[in-house]
Protein backbone atom coordinates (compact mmCIF):
# COMPACT_ATOMS: atom_id res chain seq x y z
CA MET A 1 -177.74 94.53 84.49
CA LYS A 2 -174.55 95.06 82.51
CA LYS A 3 -174.72 95.41 78.70
CA LYS A 4 -171.52 95.09 76.67
CA VAL A 5 -171.25 97.77 73.97
CA LEU A 6 -168.41 97.74 71.42
CA LEU A 7 -167.40 101.08 69.89
CA MET A 8 -165.26 100.39 66.83
CA GLY A 9 -163.97 102.05 63.67
CA LYS A 10 -160.81 103.30 62.01
CA SER A 11 -158.42 105.45 64.02
CA GLY A 12 -159.43 109.10 63.67
CA SER A 13 -163.03 108.35 62.75
CA GLY A 14 -164.28 110.21 65.83
CA LYS A 15 -165.21 107.42 68.26
CA THR A 16 -163.57 108.86 71.38
CA SER A 17 -164.81 112.38 70.62
CA MET A 18 -168.43 111.28 70.49
CA ARG A 19 -168.05 109.13 73.60
CA SER A 20 -166.54 112.09 75.47
CA ILE A 21 -169.37 114.42 74.43
CA ILE A 22 -172.14 111.99 75.36
CA PHE A 23 -170.70 110.50 78.55
CA ALA A 24 -167.93 112.81 79.81
CA ASN A 25 -169.52 116.26 79.35
CA TYR A 26 -167.07 117.50 76.72
CA ILE A 27 -168.12 120.21 74.30
CA ALA A 28 -167.32 119.70 70.62
CA ARG A 29 -164.41 122.13 70.35
CA ASP A 30 -162.64 120.58 73.37
CA THR A 31 -162.45 117.14 71.75
CA ARG A 32 -159.56 118.35 69.57
CA ARG A 33 -157.16 117.78 72.45
CA LEU A 34 -158.12 114.11 72.86
CA GLY A 35 -155.43 111.60 71.89
CA ALA A 36 -155.85 108.37 69.97
CA THR A 37 -157.23 105.37 71.88
CA ILE A 38 -154.59 102.74 72.61
CA ASP A 39 -155.91 99.17 72.46
CA VAL A 40 -159.21 99.07 74.43
CA GLU A 41 -160.51 101.63 76.94
CA HIS A 42 -163.18 100.26 79.26
CA SER A 43 -165.80 102.34 81.03
CA ASN A 44 -168.97 101.47 82.94
CA VAL A 45 -171.74 104.02 82.59
CA ARG A 46 -174.73 103.67 84.92
CA PHE A 47 -177.71 104.69 82.90
CA LEU A 48 -181.13 103.86 84.32
CA GLY A 49 -181.59 102.11 87.64
CA ASN A 50 -179.70 98.85 87.33
CA LEU A 51 -178.73 99.29 83.66
CA VAL A 52 -174.96 99.67 83.20
CA LEU A 53 -173.39 100.21 79.79
CA ASN A 54 -170.08 98.32 79.73
CA LEU A 55 -168.51 100.42 76.97
CA TRP A 56 -165.44 99.10 75.13
CA ASP A 57 -163.82 101.89 73.08
CA CYS A 58 -161.54 99.96 70.72
CA GLY A 59 -158.54 101.70 69.17
CA GLY A 60 -158.75 101.74 65.38
CA GLN A 61 -155.12 101.53 64.33
CA GLU A 62 -154.47 98.63 61.95
CA VAL A 63 -152.28 96.74 64.42
CA PHE A 64 -155.11 96.77 66.99
CA MET A 65 -157.82 95.87 64.46
CA GLU A 66 -155.80 92.88 63.27
CA ASN A 67 -155.29 91.82 66.89
CA TYR A 68 -159.01 92.08 67.74
CA ILE A 69 -159.99 89.99 64.73
CA ALA A 70 -157.29 87.32 65.15
CA ALA A 71 -155.69 86.91 68.59
CA GLN A 72 -158.47 88.47 70.75
CA ARG A 73 -161.48 87.45 68.65
CA ASP A 74 -163.38 85.56 71.36
CA HIS A 75 -162.49 88.02 74.12
CA ILE A 76 -163.57 91.12 72.19
CA PHE A 77 -166.66 89.83 70.43
CA ARG A 78 -168.20 87.51 73.04
CA ASN A 79 -171.43 88.52 74.85
CA VAL A 80 -171.85 91.76 72.87
CA GLU A 81 -175.26 93.44 73.11
CA VAL A 82 -174.50 96.27 70.70
CA LEU A 83 -171.80 96.94 68.12
CA ILE A 84 -171.41 100.61 67.15
CA TYR A 85 -169.18 100.96 64.10
CA VAL A 86 -168.08 104.49 63.16
CA PHE A 87 -167.16 105.43 59.58
CA ASP A 88 -165.37 108.65 58.64
CA VAL A 89 -167.44 109.93 55.71
CA GLU A 90 -164.31 111.45 54.14
CA SER A 91 -162.08 108.39 54.51
CA ARG A 92 -159.88 107.76 51.47
CA GLU A 93 -159.53 104.08 52.36
CA TYR A 94 -163.15 103.04 51.94
CA GLU A 95 -162.48 99.46 50.86
CA LYS A 96 -160.01 98.91 53.69
CA ASP A 97 -162.58 100.31 56.13
CA MET A 98 -165.13 97.86 54.73
CA HIS A 99 -162.69 94.96 55.03
CA TYR A 100 -162.24 95.55 58.77
CA TYR A 101 -165.97 96.18 59.25
CA GLN A 102 -166.94 92.93 57.56
CA SER A 103 -164.26 91.06 59.53
CA CYS A 104 -165.85 92.39 62.73
CA LEU A 105 -169.28 91.26 61.51
CA GLU A 106 -167.94 87.74 60.94
CA ALA A 107 -166.62 87.70 64.52
CA ILE A 108 -169.98 88.98 65.80
CA LEU A 109 -171.81 86.22 63.90
CA GLN A 110 -169.61 83.61 65.56
CA ASN A 111 -169.68 85.00 69.09
CA SER A 112 -172.74 87.27 69.55
CA LYS A 113 -175.16 86.56 66.69
CA ASP A 114 -178.04 88.38 68.41
CA ALA A 115 -176.12 91.65 68.88
CA ARG A 116 -177.71 94.80 67.47
CA ILE A 117 -175.51 96.66 65.00
CA PHE A 118 -175.47 100.43 64.52
CA CYS A 119 -173.37 102.11 61.83
CA LEU A 120 -172.62 105.82 62.26
CA ILE A 121 -171.62 107.73 59.13
CA HIS A 122 -169.68 110.38 60.99
CA LYS A 123 -168.28 113.88 60.35
CA MET A 124 -171.22 114.71 58.08
CA ASP A 125 -170.60 118.40 58.75
CA LEU A 126 -167.69 118.09 56.28
CA VAL A 127 -170.12 117.24 53.45
CA GLN A 128 -171.91 120.06 51.61
CA GLU A 129 -175.30 120.49 53.23
CA ASP A 130 -177.30 119.92 50.05
CA GLN A 131 -175.39 116.65 49.44
CA ARG A 132 -175.61 115.13 52.93
CA GLU A 133 -178.83 113.14 52.51
CA LEU A 134 -177.73 111.72 49.16
CA VAL A 135 -174.27 110.73 50.46
CA PHE A 136 -175.80 109.14 53.55
CA ARG A 137 -178.40 107.13 51.61
CA GLU A 138 -175.73 105.78 49.26
CA ARG A 139 -173.49 104.73 52.17
CA GLU A 140 -176.42 103.26 54.09
CA ALA A 141 -177.50 101.14 51.11
CA ASP A 142 -173.96 99.87 50.59
CA LEU A 143 -173.54 99.03 54.28
CA LYS A 144 -176.82 97.12 54.39
CA ARG A 145 -175.78 95.09 51.35
CA ARG A 146 -172.33 94.31 52.73
CA SER A 147 -173.70 93.44 56.19
CA LEU A 148 -175.93 90.57 55.05
CA PRO A 149 -177.11 88.26 56.57
CA LEU A 150 -177.03 90.65 59.54
CA SER A 151 -179.33 93.67 59.66
CA ILE A 152 -178.06 97.10 60.67
CA THR A 153 -179.35 100.53 61.59
CA ALA A 154 -177.44 103.51 60.16
CA PHE A 155 -177.30 107.15 61.26
CA LYS A 156 -175.57 110.21 59.89
CA THR A 157 -173.77 112.02 62.72
CA SER A 158 -171.64 115.04 63.60
CA ILE A 159 -170.33 116.27 66.94
CA TRP A 160 -171.42 119.77 65.94
CA ASP A 161 -175.20 119.28 65.87
CA GLU A 162 -178.12 117.28 67.25
CA THR A 163 -177.54 114.23 65.00
CA LEU A 164 -175.11 112.75 67.54
CA TYR A 165 -177.81 112.80 70.24
CA LYS A 166 -180.38 111.26 67.90
CA ALA A 167 -178.11 108.31 67.12
CA TRP A 168 -177.06 107.63 70.71
CA SER A 169 -180.62 108.07 72.04
CA SER A 170 -181.75 105.36 69.62
CA ILE A 171 -178.88 103.08 70.65
CA VAL A 172 -179.59 103.44 74.37
CA TYR A 173 -183.34 103.09 73.78
CA SER A 174 -182.68 99.63 72.30
CA LEU A 175 -180.94 98.57 75.54
CA ILE A 176 -183.60 99.63 78.08
CA PRO A 177 -185.42 96.44 79.17
CA ASN A 178 -188.74 97.94 80.32
CA VAL A 179 -189.01 100.78 77.83
CA ARG A 180 -192.49 99.77 76.57
CA LEU A 181 -193.90 99.90 80.09
CA LEU A 182 -192.22 103.25 80.60
CA GLU A 183 -193.82 104.60 77.43
CA THR A 184 -197.29 103.44 78.51
CA HIS A 185 -197.05 105.19 81.87
CA LEU A 186 -195.53 108.30 80.30
CA GLU A 187 -198.54 108.53 78.00
CA SER A 188 -200.86 108.29 81.00
CA PHE A 189 -198.90 111.03 82.74
CA CYS A 190 -199.16 113.20 79.62
CA ASN A 191 -202.96 112.77 79.57
CA ILE A 192 -203.30 113.51 83.29
CA CYS A 193 -201.32 116.75 82.86
CA GLU A 194 -203.33 117.61 79.73
CA ALA A 195 -199.97 118.30 78.10
CA ASP A 196 -199.15 118.53 74.40
CA GLU A 197 -195.98 116.55 74.92
CA VAL A 198 -193.96 114.90 77.67
CA VAL A 199 -190.32 113.90 77.12
CA LEU A 200 -188.12 111.79 79.39
CA PHE A 201 -184.35 112.43 79.41
CA GLU A 202 -181.53 110.51 81.08
CA ARG A 203 -180.20 112.75 83.81
CA THR A 204 -176.44 112.77 83.10
CA THR A 205 -176.26 112.51 79.32
CA PHE A 206 -179.63 114.15 78.60
CA LEU A 207 -180.27 111.54 75.92
CA VAL A 208 -183.95 111.04 75.08
CA ILE A 209 -185.34 107.87 76.63
CA SER A 210 -189.02 108.12 75.76
CA HIS A 211 -191.78 110.57 74.94
CA SER A 212 -195.54 110.92 74.58
CA THR A 213 -196.92 113.34 71.99
CA GLN A 214 -200.57 114.39 71.88
CA ARG A 215 -200.23 117.09 69.23
CA PRO A 216 -198.17 116.68 66.03
CA HIS A 217 -195.06 118.81 65.65
CA ALA A 218 -193.26 119.73 62.43
CA ASP A 219 -189.69 119.55 63.78
CA VAL A 220 -188.72 115.87 63.98
CA HIS A 221 -185.33 116.74 65.51
CA ARG A 222 -186.69 118.86 68.35
CA PHE A 223 -185.82 116.39 71.15
CA GLU A 224 -182.19 116.09 70.11
CA LYS A 225 -181.88 119.87 69.74
CA ILE A 226 -183.21 120.26 73.29
CA SER A 227 -180.75 117.60 74.54
CA ASN A 228 -177.90 119.55 72.99
CA ILE A 229 -179.06 122.92 74.34
CA ILE A 230 -179.73 121.73 77.89
CA LYS A 231 -176.46 119.76 78.03
CA GLN A 232 -174.55 122.93 77.07
CA PHE A 233 -176.53 124.96 79.62
CA LYS A 234 -175.78 122.41 82.36
CA LEU A 235 -172.08 122.67 81.53
CA SER A 236 -172.26 126.47 81.74
CA CYS A 237 -173.91 126.18 85.15
CA SER A 238 -171.20 123.86 86.43
CA LYS A 239 -168.46 126.25 85.29
CA SER A 240 -170.16 128.92 87.43
CA GLN A 241 -170.25 126.47 90.36
CA ALA A 242 -174.02 126.25 90.09
CA GLN A 243 -176.09 123.09 89.69
CA PHE A 244 -178.88 122.80 87.15
CA GLN A 245 -182.12 121.74 88.83
CA CYS A 246 -185.10 122.85 86.77
CA MET A 247 -186.18 125.27 84.08
CA GLU A 248 -189.35 127.03 82.97
CA VAL A 249 -189.74 128.63 79.53
CA ARG A 250 -192.81 130.58 78.41
CA SER A 251 -193.90 132.41 75.29
CA SER A 252 -197.17 133.74 73.94
CA THR A 253 -198.01 130.29 72.55
CA PHE A 254 -196.68 127.69 75.02
CA ALA A 255 -195.28 126.90 78.45
CA SER A 256 -192.49 124.37 79.02
CA PHE A 257 -191.20 122.86 82.27
CA ILE A 258 -188.06 120.75 82.82
CA ASP A 259 -187.56 119.16 86.22
CA VAL A 260 -186.08 116.10 87.93
CA LEU A 261 -188.41 113.09 87.79
CA THR A 262 -186.34 110.26 89.27
CA PRO A 263 -182.72 110.02 90.48
CA ASN A 264 -181.80 109.06 86.90
CA THR A 265 -184.15 111.15 84.74
CA TYR A 266 -185.45 114.60 83.89
CA VAL A 267 -188.91 115.18 82.46
CA MET A 268 -190.04 117.96 80.15
CA VAL A 269 -193.72 118.91 80.05
CA ILE A 270 -194.94 121.13 77.20
CA MET A 271 -198.35 122.83 77.12
CA SER A 272 -199.90 125.05 74.47
CA ASP A 273 -201.71 127.05 77.18
CA PRO A 274 -199.17 129.72 78.26
CA THR A 275 -201.39 130.78 81.18
CA ILE A 276 -201.00 127.45 82.96
CA GLN A 277 -199.81 127.90 86.53
CA SER A 278 -196.33 126.61 87.33
CA ALA A 279 -197.50 125.20 90.65
CA ALA A 280 -199.94 122.80 88.98
CA THR A 281 -197.27 121.25 86.79
CA VAL A 282 -194.75 121.08 89.63
CA ILE A 283 -197.33 119.26 91.78
CA ASN A 284 -198.07 116.77 88.98
CA ILE A 285 -194.37 116.03 88.50
CA ALA A 286 -193.85 115.62 92.25
CA ALA A 287 -196.83 113.26 92.46
CA ALA A 288 -195.44 111.11 89.63
CA ARG A 289 -191.92 110.74 91.04
CA THR A 290 -192.48 107.69 93.27
CA HIS A 291 -194.48 105.93 90.55
CA PHE A 292 -191.76 106.34 87.90
CA GLU A 293 -189.03 105.39 90.38
CA ARG A 294 -190.81 102.05 90.88
CA ILE A 295 -191.04 101.49 87.13
CA GLU A 296 -187.36 102.33 86.73
CA GLN A 297 -186.45 99.84 89.45
CA GLY A 298 -188.53 97.09 87.84
CA GLN A 299 -191.37 97.18 90.38
CA PHE A 300 -194.56 96.90 88.38
CA GLY A 301 -197.11 97.60 91.12
CA ARG A 302 -199.65 100.36 90.63
């Protein structure tokens, strides 16, 4: 099941950096050595079971943008499932950026009118912290107005914090065909374990796929923060020629377990009872593996 994803935006907006962090295990500071994308770079990323993201990273230089919109219009914009358009929040050519964006939307309307559109207002770390929400809301409102009659979803992002994982988790979530079924069974698993929360992560990228929460939590960005932390820890392990398998974290108020669930996912189980025995949780995860593998593969038997 191959899904075509276009990654577009002006040259230097940060497209290739974010792609390299999410899919190629780069850390933020190492993206500085990446060169500009020339024309279109294709990559197929196997995500869950049979789901393959056919990612088209499109160079943003003017000569390429003009070519996409004119000479290659049908080739680039046909059969698109998702368009991700990246805007540099500090760009000094805002109207030109908008011109190319709206030209891409026209091509999407003609060739892939059902495509989902995500706009990433990127490099938000360069905006003063107390101004970020205001700047983002203004840009989001303008983008929604200029995108009509198409609807969009906007995110503020930076390669230096969890916002990048939040945006890409939402994008990938929209592409998973059986995600509702997955959520239902994850909630059942959470109840069986008597857990406060269960979170499902994609194994390679550690993007959040789904979760079940039984107790409210104040930090709405907690999943993305965990994605970022565990991804960095996995990279540290690999540099030491070790392979990350599982993790257990305890404090006086909770116990948390991260372990492999299926060949394509990790699961995190969080309990407010710090005295819970590790063996019980490990047994529950092991017992659930076959069941979630069948869901992932599209087998809906009990």
